[in-house]
Amino acid sequence: MLLKRLFFFPRALVVASIALALSACTDFSRTPDLLGRVTVKVTNEAGAPLSGISVDLLLNDRQTRWRNLLTGADGSGEFDTANGGVIPQTYVVRVLLSGTNFVIAPDDTNDKPVVVVLGQTHNVTFKLTPRVVGPVG
């Protein structure tokens, strides 16, 4: 009988130690930071926000759309807020201007690369200017 107890005790001690270690290291009080965040702000040259502008979050190949958003009344938006953010990796942020009366401002660029890092927020800004239409003729 004593031999059975001596054989069982070390196994029970190991299982109890593992359970204690796992419970001490796990905090389920909040969602873990497994994603990064990418926000966008679109303004005109005077700094006024532009709403309803479509912006894509592309994979690094610059062709595959990962996510899309429309800027709100304050000219801003965040990609994939419903899922808590985006997967950490390299992306390209592109403002889509077809069907709008805007072009990228001369001192700004489109296709801005962003490296999303776990638990960090990356802010991308775009400055637009009204499209100049020449005389019909």
N, C-alpha and C. Protein backbone atom coordinates (compact mmCIF):
# COMPACT_ATOMS: atom_id res chain seq x y z
N MET A 1 0.81 -1.18 0.00
CA MET A 1 0.00 0.00 0.00
C MET A 1 0.86 1.26 0.00
N LEU A 2 1.90 1.27 0.83
CA LEU A 2 2.80 2.41 0.90
C LEU A 2 3.51 2.61 -0.43
N LEU A 3 3.82 1.51 -1.09
CA LEU A 3 4.48 1.59 -2.40
C LEU A 3 3.58 2.25 -3.43
N LYS A 4 2.27 1.98 -3.40
CA LYS A 4 1.34 2.61 -4.32
C LYS A 4 1.27 4.11 -4.07
N ARG A 5 1.24 4.53 -2.80
CA ARG A 5 1.18 5.94 -2.48
C ARG A 5 2.44 6.66 -2.96
N LEU A 6 3.59 6.06 -2.79
CA LEU A 6 4.84 6.67 -3.23
C LEU A 6 4.91 6.79 -4.75
N PHE A 7 4.29 5.87 -5.45
CA PHE A 7 4.27 5.91 -6.91
C PHE A 7 3.30 6.98 -7.42
N PHE A 8 2.13 7.14 -6.76
CA PHE A 8 1.10 8.08 -7.18
C PHE A 8 1.45 9.52 -6.82
N PHE A 9 2.07 9.76 -5.70
CA PHE A 9 2.34 11.10 -5.19
C PHE A 9 3.17 11.97 -6.15
N PRO A 10 4.28 11.50 -6.72
CA PRO A 10 5.05 12.36 -7.64
C PRO A 10 4.25 12.77 -8.88
N ARG A 11 3.43 11.89 -9.40
CA ARG A 11 2.62 12.24 -10.57
C ARG A 11 1.59 13.31 -10.22
N ALA A 12 0.94 13.14 -9.08
CA ALA A 12 -0.05 14.13 -8.65
C ALA A 12 0.61 15.47 -8.40
N LEU A 13 1.81 15.47 -7.87
CA LEU A 13 2.54 16.72 -7.62
C LEU A 13 2.88 17.43 -8.93
N VAL A 14 3.27 16.69 -9.95
CA VAL A 14 3.60 17.27 -11.25
C VAL A 14 2.34 17.87 -11.89
N VAL A 15 1.24 17.15 -11.87
CA VAL A 15 -0.01 17.64 -12.45
C VAL A 15 -0.47 18.90 -11.71
N ALA A 16 -0.41 18.90 -10.40
CA ALA A 16 -0.82 20.06 -9.62
C ALA A 16 0.08 21.26 -9.91
N SER A 17 1.37 21.03 -10.07
CA SER A 17 2.32 22.12 -10.38
C SER A 17 2.02 22.74 -11.74
N ILE A 18 1.73 21.92 -12.73
CA ILE A 18 1.41 22.42 -14.07
C ILE A 18 0.12 23.22 -14.04
N ALA A 19 -0.89 22.70 -13.35
CA ALA A 19 -2.16 23.42 -13.26
C ALA A 19 -2.00 24.76 -12.57
N LEU A 20 -1.20 24.81 -11.52
CA LEU A 20 -0.95 26.06 -10.81
C LEU A 20 -0.20 27.06 -11.69
N ALA A 21 0.79 26.58 -12.42
CA ALA A 21 1.56 27.47 -13.29
C ALA A 21 0.70 28.04 -14.40
N LEU A 22 -0.16 27.22 -15.01
CA LEU A 22 -1.02 27.70 -16.08
C LEU A 22 -2.06 28.69 -15.57
N SER A 23 -2.61 28.44 -14.41
CA SER A 23 -3.62 29.36 -13.89
C SER A 23 -2.99 30.68 -13.46
N ALA A 24 -1.76 30.67 -13.03
CA ALA A 24 -1.09 31.90 -12.60
C ALA A 24 -0.67 32.76 -13.79
N CYS A 25 -0.43 32.14 -14.94
CA CYS A 25 0.06 32.87 -16.11
C CYS A 25 -1.05 33.31 -17.05
N THR A 26 -2.26 32.94 -16.80
CA THR A 26 -3.34 33.24 -17.72
C THR A 26 -4.26 34.30 -17.12
N ASP A 27 -4.40 35.40 -17.85
CA ASP A 27 -5.29 36.48 -17.41
C ASP A 27 -6.35 36.67 -18.48
N PHE A 28 -7.57 36.26 -18.19
CA PHE A 28 -8.65 36.36 -19.14
C PHE A 28 -9.55 37.57 -18.88
N SER A 29 -9.05 38.54 -18.12
CA SER A 29 -9.86 39.71 -17.79
C SER A 29 -10.01 40.66 -18.96
N ARG A 30 -9.15 40.56 -19.98
CA ARG A 30 -9.27 41.39 -21.17
C ARG A 30 -8.77 40.61 -22.38
N THR A 31 -9.12 41.08 -23.56
CA THR A 31 -8.68 40.42 -24.80
C THR A 31 -7.19 40.64 -24.98
N PRO A 32 -6.42 39.61 -25.27
CA PRO A 32 -4.98 39.79 -25.47
C PRO A 32 -4.69 40.61 -26.72
N ASP A 33 -3.58 41.33 -26.72
CA ASP A 33 -3.18 42.15 -27.87
C ASP A 33 -2.50 41.27 -28.91
N LEU A 34 -3.32 40.63 -29.75
CA LEU A 34 -2.78 39.77 -30.79
C LEU A 34 -2.78 40.45 -32.14
N LEU A 35 -3.35 41.66 -32.19
CA LEU A 35 -3.49 42.38 -33.43
C LEU A 35 -2.88 43.77 -33.30
N GLY A 36 -2.70 44.41 -34.43
CA GLY A 36 -2.29 45.81 -34.45
C GLY A 36 -3.44 46.64 -35.00
N ARG A 37 -3.29 47.95 -34.91
CA ARG A 37 -4.35 48.84 -35.39
C ARG A 37 -3.78 49.78 -36.44
N VAL A 38 -4.61 50.06 -37.47
CA VAL A 38 -4.24 51.03 -38.51
C VAL A 38 -5.40 52.01 -38.64
N THR A 39 -5.11 53.29 -38.39
CA THR A 39 -6.11 54.33 -38.55
C THR A 39 -5.72 55.22 -39.72
N VAL A 40 -6.74 55.86 -40.31
CA VAL A 40 -6.54 56.71 -41.47
C VAL A 40 -7.23 58.04 -41.21
N LYS A 41 -6.59 59.13 -41.63
CA LYS A 41 -7.19 60.47 -41.56
C LYS A 41 -7.01 61.11 -42.93
N VAL A 42 -8.12 61.57 -43.54
CA VAL A 42 -8.08 62.20 -44.86
C VAL A 42 -8.59 63.63 -44.70
N THR A 43 -7.78 64.59 -45.15
CA THR A 43 -8.14 66.00 -45.06
C THR A 43 -7.89 66.69 -46.40
N ASN A 44 -8.42 67.91 -46.51
CA ASN A 44 -8.06 68.73 -47.68
C ASN A 44 -6.80 69.52 -47.32
N GLU A 45 -6.34 70.35 -48.23
CA GLU A 45 -5.09 71.09 -47.99
C GLU A 45 -5.18 72.05 -46.82
N ALA A 46 -6.39 72.50 -46.50
CA ALA A 46 -6.58 73.41 -45.36
C ALA A 46 -6.70 72.66 -44.04
N GLY A 47 -6.72 71.33 -44.10
CA GLY A 47 -6.82 70.53 -42.88
C GLY A 47 -8.23 70.14 -42.50
N ALA A 48 -9.22 70.50 -43.32
CA ALA A 48 -10.61 70.12 -43.04
C ALA A 48 -10.82 68.65 -43.37
N PRO A 49 -11.55 67.91 -42.54
CA PRO A 49 -11.76 66.48 -42.79
C PRO A 49 -12.62 66.23 -44.02
N LEU A 50 -12.31 65.14 -44.71
CA LEU A 50 -13.09 64.73 -45.88
C LEU A 50 -13.77 63.40 -45.57
N SER A 51 -15.09 63.39 -45.61
CA SER A 51 -15.83 62.16 -45.31
C SER A 51 -16.19 61.43 -46.59
N GLY A 52 -16.47 60.13 -46.44
CA GLY A 52 -16.91 59.31 -47.58
C GLY A 52 -15.81 58.96 -48.56
N ILE A 53 -14.57 59.08 -48.15
CA ILE A 53 -13.44 58.71 -49.01
C ILE A 53 -13.11 57.24 -48.76
N SER A 54 -13.00 56.46 -49.82
CA SER A 54 -12.70 55.03 -49.72
C SER A 54 -11.18 54.83 -49.62
N VAL A 55 -10.78 53.99 -48.67
CA VAL A 55 -9.36 53.71 -48.46
C VAL A 55 -9.19 52.21 -48.35
N ASP A 56 -8.18 51.68 -49.05
CA ASP A 56 -7.89 50.24 -49.02
C ASP A 56 -6.66 49.95 -48.18
N LEU A 57 -6.69 48.81 -47.52
CA LEU A 57 -5.51 48.25 -46.87
C LEU A 57 -5.12 47.05 -47.72
N LEU A 58 -4.01 47.19 -48.44
CA LEU A 58 -3.57 46.16 -49.38
C LEU A 58 -2.45 45.34 -48.78
N LEU A 59 -2.36 44.09 -49.21
CA LEU A 59 -1.20 43.29 -48.83
C LEU A 59 0.03 43.89 -49.51
N ASN A 60 1.19 43.45 -49.13
CA ASN A 60 2.44 44.03 -49.61
C ASN A 60 2.61 43.91 -51.13
N ASP A 61 1.85 43.04 -51.80
CA ASP A 61 1.95 42.92 -53.25
C ASP A 61 1.29 44.09 -53.98
N ARG A 62 0.61 44.96 -53.23
CA ARG A 62 -0.07 46.16 -53.73
C ARG A 62 -1.24 45.84 -54.66
N GLN A 63 -1.70 44.61 -54.67
CA GLN A 63 -2.84 44.22 -55.51
C GLN A 63 -3.96 43.58 -54.73
N THR A 64 -3.63 42.86 -53.67
CA THR A 64 -4.62 42.12 -52.90
C THR A 64 -5.21 43.01 -51.81
N ARG A 65 -6.52 43.28 -51.92
CA ARG A 65 -7.19 44.09 -50.90
C ARG A 65 -7.43 43.24 -49.67
N TRP A 66 -6.93 43.71 -48.53
CA TRP A 66 -7.13 43.01 -47.27
C TRP A 66 -8.38 43.55 -46.57
N ARG A 67 -8.50 44.88 -46.50
CA ARG A 67 -9.65 45.53 -45.89
C ARG A 67 -9.94 46.84 -46.62
N ASN A 68 -11.14 47.38 -46.42
CA ASN A 68 -11.53 48.66 -47.00
C ASN A 68 -12.34 49.42 -45.97
N LEU A 69 -12.28 50.75 -46.05
CA LEU A 69 -13.11 51.57 -45.17
C LEU A 69 -13.51 52.84 -45.89
N LEU A 70 -14.56 53.48 -45.38
CA LEU A 70 -14.99 54.81 -45.81
C LEU A 70 -14.76 55.74 -44.64
N THR A 71 -14.15 56.89 -44.91
CA THR A 71 -13.91 57.83 -43.83
C THR A 71 -15.23 58.38 -43.31
N GLY A 72 -15.27 58.64 -42.01
CA GLY A 72 -16.47 59.18 -41.37
C GLY A 72 -16.52 60.68 -41.47
N ALA A 73 -17.44 61.29 -40.74
CA ALA A 73 -17.64 62.74 -40.77
C ALA A 73 -16.40 63.50 -40.32
N ASP A 74 -15.58 62.86 -39.48
CA ASP A 74 -14.34 63.51 -39.02
C ASP A 74 -13.16 63.21 -39.93
N GLY A 75 -13.41 62.58 -41.09
CA GLY A 75 -12.36 62.29 -42.06
C GLY A 75 -11.48 61.12 -41.68
N SER A 76 -11.86 60.37 -40.66
CA SER A 76 -11.01 59.27 -40.21
C SER A 76 -11.74 57.94 -40.24
N GLY A 77 -10.96 56.89 -40.06
CA GLY A 77 -11.50 55.54 -39.99
C GLY A 77 -10.42 54.60 -39.48
N GLU A 78 -10.85 53.42 -39.08
CA GLU A 78 -9.91 52.40 -38.61
C GLU A 78 -10.24 51.09 -39.29
N PHE A 79 -9.21 50.40 -39.77
CA PHE A 79 -9.41 49.13 -40.45
C PHE A 79 -9.76 48.03 -39.45
N ASP A 80 -10.80 47.29 -39.78
CA ASP A 80 -11.21 46.07 -39.09
C ASP A 80 -11.42 46.24 -37.59
N THR A 81 -12.09 47.29 -37.20
CA THR A 81 -12.38 47.50 -35.78
C THR A 81 -13.28 46.41 -35.21
N ALA A 82 -14.14 45.84 -36.05
CA ALA A 82 -15.05 44.80 -35.57
C ALA A 82 -14.30 43.58 -35.05
N ASN A 83 -13.13 43.32 -35.60
CA ASN A 83 -12.33 42.18 -35.17
C ASN A 83 -11.17 42.58 -34.27
N GLY A 84 -11.13 43.83 -33.86
CA GLY A 84 -10.09 44.27 -32.92
C GLY A 84 -8.81 44.74 -33.56
N GLY A 85 -8.76 44.83 -34.88
CA GLY A 85 -7.55 45.30 -35.56
C GLY A 85 -7.17 44.39 -36.71
N VAL A 86 -5.91 44.50 -37.11
CA VAL A 86 -5.42 43.72 -38.25
C VAL A 86 -4.22 42.87 -37.84
N ILE A 87 -3.99 41.83 -38.59
CA ILE A 87 -2.89 40.91 -38.34
C ILE A 87 -1.56 41.63 -38.54
N PRO A 88 -0.61 41.48 -37.63
CA PRO A 88 0.69 42.13 -37.81
C PRO A 88 1.43 41.59 -39.04
N GLN A 89 1.70 42.49 -39.96
CA GLN A 89 2.50 42.22 -41.16
C GLN A 89 2.65 43.54 -41.91
N THR A 90 3.25 43.52 -43.08
CA THR A 90 3.43 44.73 -43.88
C THR A 90 2.25 44.90 -44.83
N TYR A 91 1.73 46.13 -44.87
CA TYR A 91 0.61 46.48 -45.74
C TYR A 91 0.95 47.75 -46.51
N VAL A 92 0.07 48.09 -47.46
CA VAL A 92 0.11 49.36 -48.17
C VAL A 92 -1.28 49.99 -48.04
N VAL A 93 -1.32 51.25 -47.63
CA VAL A 93 -2.59 51.97 -47.49
C VAL A 93 -2.75 52.85 -48.72
N ARG A 94 -3.90 52.68 -49.40
CA ARG A 94 -4.15 53.42 -50.65
C ARG A 94 -5.51 54.09 -50.59
N VAL A 95 -5.53 55.40 -50.86
CA VAL A 95 -6.79 56.12 -50.95
C VAL A 95 -7.30 55.97 -52.38
N LEU A 96 -8.60 55.67 -52.52
CA LEU A 96 -9.19 55.44 -53.83
C LEU A 96 -9.92 56.71 -54.26
N LEU A 97 -9.50 57.28 -55.37
CA LEU A 97 -10.01 58.58 -55.77
C LEU A 97 -10.90 58.55 -57.01
N SER A 98 -11.05 57.39 -57.64
CA SER A 98 -11.93 57.33 -58.81
C SER A 98 -13.36 57.60 -58.35
N GLY A 99 -14.06 58.43 -59.10
CA GLY A 99 -15.42 58.79 -58.76
C GLY A 99 -15.51 59.93 -57.75
N THR A 100 -14.38 60.52 -57.39
CA THR A 100 -14.39 61.66 -56.48
C THR A 100 -13.92 62.90 -57.22
N ASN A 101 -14.05 64.03 -56.59
CA ASN A 101 -13.56 65.29 -57.17
C ASN A 101 -12.22 65.69 -56.57
N PHE A 102 -11.43 64.69 -56.13
CA PHE A 102 -10.15 64.97 -55.48
C PHE A 102 -9.01 64.22 -56.12
N VAL A 103 -7.82 64.76 -55.93
CA VAL A 103 -6.57 64.10 -56.27
C VAL A 103 -5.64 64.26 -55.06
N ILE A 104 -4.58 63.47 -55.03
CA ILE A 104 -3.60 63.60 -53.95
C ILE A 104 -2.93 64.97 -54.06
N ALA A 105 -2.76 65.64 -52.95
CA ALA A 105 -2.11 66.95 -52.94
C ALA A 105 -0.68 66.81 -53.45
N PRO A 106 -0.15 67.88 -54.08
CA PRO A 106 1.20 67.82 -54.65
C PRO A 106 2.29 67.45 -53.65
N ASP A 107 2.10 67.79 -52.37
CA ASP A 107 3.14 67.49 -51.38
C ASP A 107 2.86 66.20 -50.61
N ASP A 108 1.96 65.35 -51.13
CA ASP A 108 1.62 64.08 -50.48
C ASP A 108 1.77 62.95 -51.49
N THR A 109 1.68 61.72 -51.02
CA THR A 109 1.76 60.55 -51.90
C THR A 109 0.66 59.56 -51.54
N ASN A 110 0.36 58.68 -52.47
CA ASN A 110 -0.56 57.57 -52.23
C ASN A 110 0.27 56.32 -51.99
N ASP A 111 -0.35 55.20 -51.72
CA ASP A 111 0.33 53.93 -51.49
C ASP A 111 1.38 54.05 -50.39
N LYS A 112 0.93 54.28 -49.19
CA LYS A 112 1.84 54.45 -48.05
C LYS A 112 2.03 53.11 -47.35
N PRO A 113 3.30 52.64 -47.27
CA PRO A 113 3.56 51.37 -46.59
C PRO A 113 3.43 51.53 -45.08
N VAL A 114 2.96 50.48 -44.43
CA VAL A 114 2.85 50.47 -42.98
C VAL A 114 3.17 49.05 -42.49
N VAL A 115 4.00 48.97 -41.46
CA VAL A 115 4.33 47.69 -40.85
C VAL A 115 3.55 47.60 -39.54
N VAL A 116 2.54 46.75 -39.54
CA VAL A 116 1.69 46.61 -38.36
C VAL A 116 2.41 45.72 -37.35
N VAL A 117 2.46 46.23 -36.11
CA VAL A 117 3.14 45.54 -35.03
C VAL A 117 2.11 45.20 -33.95
N LEU A 118 2.30 44.08 -33.34
CA LEU A 118 1.43 43.59 -32.29
C LEU A 118 1.18 44.65 -31.21
N GLY A 119 -0.08 45.00 -30.99
CA GLY A 119 -0.45 45.92 -29.91
C GLY A 119 -0.16 47.38 -30.16
N GLN A 120 0.25 47.75 -31.38
CA GLN A 120 0.54 49.15 -31.67
C GLN A 120 -0.46 49.73 -32.67
N THR A 121 -0.64 51.05 -32.62
CA THR A 121 -1.51 51.75 -33.55
C THR A 121 -0.67 52.56 -34.51
N HIS A 122 -0.96 52.42 -35.80
CA HIS A 122 -0.25 53.18 -36.84
C HIS A 122 -1.25 54.13 -37.49
N ASN A 123 -0.91 55.40 -37.50
CA ASN A 123 -1.78 56.43 -38.07
C ASN A 123 -1.24 56.83 -39.44
N VAL A 124 -2.11 56.78 -40.43
CA VAL A 124 -1.74 57.15 -41.80
C VAL A 124 -2.61 58.34 -42.20
N THR A 125 -1.98 59.37 -42.77
CA THR A 125 -2.73 60.56 -43.18
C THR A 125 -2.60 60.78 -44.67
N PHE A 126 -3.64 61.32 -45.25
CA PHE A 126 -3.65 61.70 -46.66
C PHE A 126 -4.18 63.12 -46.77
N LYS A 127 -3.56 63.88 -47.67
CA LYS A 127 -4.02 65.24 -47.94
C LYS A 127 -4.46 65.29 -49.40
N LEU A 128 -5.69 65.72 -49.62
CA LEU A 128 -6.25 65.78 -50.97
C LEU A 128 -6.52 67.22 -51.37
N THR A 129 -6.57 67.41 -52.67
CA THR A 129 -6.88 68.73 -53.23
C THR A 129 -7.96 68.53 -54.30
N PRO A 130 -8.79 69.55 -54.54
CA PRO A 130 -9.84 69.40 -55.56
C PRO A 130 -9.25 69.14 -56.94
N ARG A 131 -9.91 68.26 -57.68
CA ARG A 131 -9.50 67.94 -59.04
C ARG A 131 -9.78 69.16 -59.93
N VAL A 132 -8.79 69.58 -60.71
CA VAL A 132 -8.97 70.70 -61.62
C VAL A 132 -9.43 70.16 -62.95
N VAL A 133 -10.58 70.64 -63.40
CA VAL A 133 -11.14 70.20 -64.66
C VAL A 133 -10.95 71.33 -65.66
N GLY A 134 -10.34 70.99 -66.79
CA GLY A 134 -10.11 72.02 -67.82
C GLY A 134 -11.38 72.34 -68.58
N PRO A 135 -11.32 73.37 -69.38
CA PRO A 135 -12.50 73.76 -70.16
C PRO A 135 -12.85 72.68 -71.20
N VAL A 136 -14.14 72.50 -71.40
CA VAL A 136 -14.62 71.54 -72.40
C VAL A 136 -14.46 72.15 -73.76
N GLY A 137 -13.91 71.42 -74.67
CA GLY A 137 -13.81 72.09 -75.93
C GLY A 137 -13.13 71.38 -76.94
